[in-house]
Amino acid sequence: MGVSCPEANAIRCDRVGLAVWLRGRVEQLEASIAGRPLALHRRGDHFEGFLRPAGLIDGPLRVHPDGGRYRWTGRVPVSGRVRLVAGYRGGKAKRRTLSVPLAAGWG
């Protein structure tokens, strides 16, 4: 999971990306970050999606700017609660909740 703004280390756009790689043949994947759902799409061998607004400035993923009001280089770590529900053929589902560190950049 990482901040996904057009300018490096910027948080003004208040957007994060999440990429998930899973073992096995997953038919669909649902996710939420800090209780807020986001749409995930299959991209080859993984799923990815974006959450906006993410709450980087005043919400659940609040970061402590360290290079001006809207810049964050990750000096003070932030993690978010990510909930995943993987759906498999035949209707079987697996659920998992993780604390995932937020990276200062995406990609």
Protein backbone atom coordinates (compact mmCIF):
# COMPACT_ATOMS: atom_id res chain seq x y z
CA MET A 1 0.00 0.00 0.00
CA GLY A 2 1.43 3.35 -0.96
CA VAL A 3 0.63 7.02 -1.47
CA SER A 4 -0.31 7.49 -5.13
CA CYS A 5 -0.12 11.18 -6.02
CA PRO A 6 1.33 12.50 -9.31
CA GLU A 7 4.14 14.34 -7.51
CA ALA A 8 6.69 12.33 -5.51
CA ASN A 9 6.15 12.43 -1.74
CA ALA A 10 3.06 14.64 -2.11
CA ILE A 11 -0.05 13.90 -0.07
CA ARG A 12 -2.29 16.71 -1.35
CA CYS A 13 -4.20 14.37 -3.73
CA ASP A 14 -5.10 12.16 -0.73
CA ARG A 15 -4.97 8.88 -2.67
CA VAL A 16 -3.43 5.50 -1.86
CA GLY A 17 -2.97 2.40 -3.99
CA LEU A 18 -3.19 -1.19 -2.83
CA ALA A 19 -1.73 -4.16 -4.72
CA VAL A 20 -2.39 -7.76 -3.64
CA TRP A 21 -0.79 -10.99 -4.86
CA LEU A 22 -2.50 -14.23 -3.83
CA ARG A 23 -1.73 -17.90 -4.18
CA GLY A 24 -4.35 -20.06 -5.81
CA ARG A 25 -7.07 -19.35 -8.33
CA VAL A 26 -9.02 -16.40 -6.93
CA GLU A 27 -12.19 -15.48 -8.81
CA GLN A 28 -12.71 -12.12 -7.10
CA LEU A 29 -11.16 -10.03 -4.35
CA GLU A 30 -12.86 -7.47 -2.13
CA ALA A 31 -10.91 -5.06 0.06
CA SER A 32 -11.30 -2.24 2.54
CA ILE A 33 -8.72 0.09 4.04
CA ALA A 34 -9.49 1.45 7.51
CA GLY A 35 -13.10 0.33 7.02
CA ARG A 36 -13.53 2.05 3.65
CA PRO A 37 -14.17 -0.20 0.63
CA LEU A 38 -12.21 0.10 -2.59
CA ALA A 39 -12.62 -1.64 -5.92
CA LEU A 40 -9.84 -4.04 -6.88
CA HIS A 41 -9.19 -5.11 -10.46
CA ARG A 42 -7.13 -8.01 -11.76
CA ARG A 43 -3.87 -6.84 -13.37
CA GLY A 44 -2.13 -9.93 -14.71
CA ASP A 45 -0.79 -11.80 -11.67
CA HIS A 46 -2.21 -9.46 -9.01
CA PHE A 47 -5.12 -7.25 -8.02
CA GLU A 48 -4.88 -3.49 -7.51
CA GLY A 49 -7.09 -0.55 -6.67
CA PHE A 50 -7.06 3.00 -5.37
CA LEU A 51 -8.79 4.75 -2.50
CA ARG A 52 -9.56 8.46 -2.63
CA PRO A 53 -10.01 10.27 -0.37
CA ALA A 54 -7.77 8.12 1.78
CA GLY A 55 -7.56 10.29 4.87
CA LEU A 56 -3.83 11.08 4.63
CA ILE A 57 -4.28 14.62 5.95
CA ASP A 58 -6.96 14.24 8.61
CA GLY A 59 -8.35 10.72 8.49
CA PRO A 60 -7.55 7.14 9.45
CA LEU A 61 -4.30 7.03 7.44
CA ARG A 62 -3.12 10.40 8.75
CA VAL A 63 0.56 10.96 8.12
CA HIS A 64 2.86 13.46 9.85
CA PRO A 65 4.17 15.73 7.07
CA ASP A 66 7.96 15.96 7.17
CA GLY A 67 8.82 18.16 4.22
CA GLY A 68 6.23 20.91 4.20
CA ARG A 69 2.48 20.86 4.80
CA TYR A 70 1.68 18.41 1.98
CA ARG A 71 4.86 16.32 1.76
CA TRP A 72 5.60 13.04 3.49
CA THR A 73 8.73 10.95 3.06
CA GLY A 74 7.73 8.24 5.50
CA ARG A 75 10.02 9.20 8.38
CA VAL A 76 7.20 8.56 10.85
CA PRO A 77 5.68 5.20 9.84
CA VAL A 78 1.94 4.77 9.30
CA SER A 79 -0.01 1.53 8.97
CA GLY A 80 -3.58 0.85 7.96
CA ARG A 81 -5.98 -1.96 8.65
CA VAL A 82 -6.66 -3.83 5.39
CA ARG A 83 -9.47 -6.37 5.18
CA LEU A 84 -9.51 -8.83 2.28
CA VAL A 85 -12.19 -11.29 1.17
CA ALA A 86 -11.06 -13.69 -1.55
CA GLY A 87 -13.77 -15.53 -3.49
CA TYR A 88 -13.01 -18.91 -5.05
CA ARG A 89 -14.81 -21.10 -7.55
CA GLY A 90 -17.68 -22.99 -5.94
CA GLY A 91 -18.56 -20.14 -3.57
CA LYS A 92 -15.78 -20.67 -1.03
CA ALA A 93 -14.38 -17.49 0.55
CA LYS A 94 -11.39 -16.70 2.74
CA ARG A 95 -11.15 -13.58 4.91
CA ARG A 96 -8.10 -11.92 6.37
CA THR A 97 -7.41 -8.65 8.18
CA LEU A 98 -3.88 -7.28 8.22
CA SER A 99 -2.02 -4.23 9.45
CA VAL A 100 -0.26 -3.00 6.31
CA PRO A 101 2.49 -0.36 6.35
CA LEU A 102 1.95 2.67 4.13
CA ALA A 103 4.80 3.49 1.74
CA ALA A 104 5.56 7.09 0.81
CA GLY A 105 5.28 6.22 -2.89
CA TRP A 106 3.45 3.92 -5.27
CA GLY A 107 4.97 1.81 -8.00
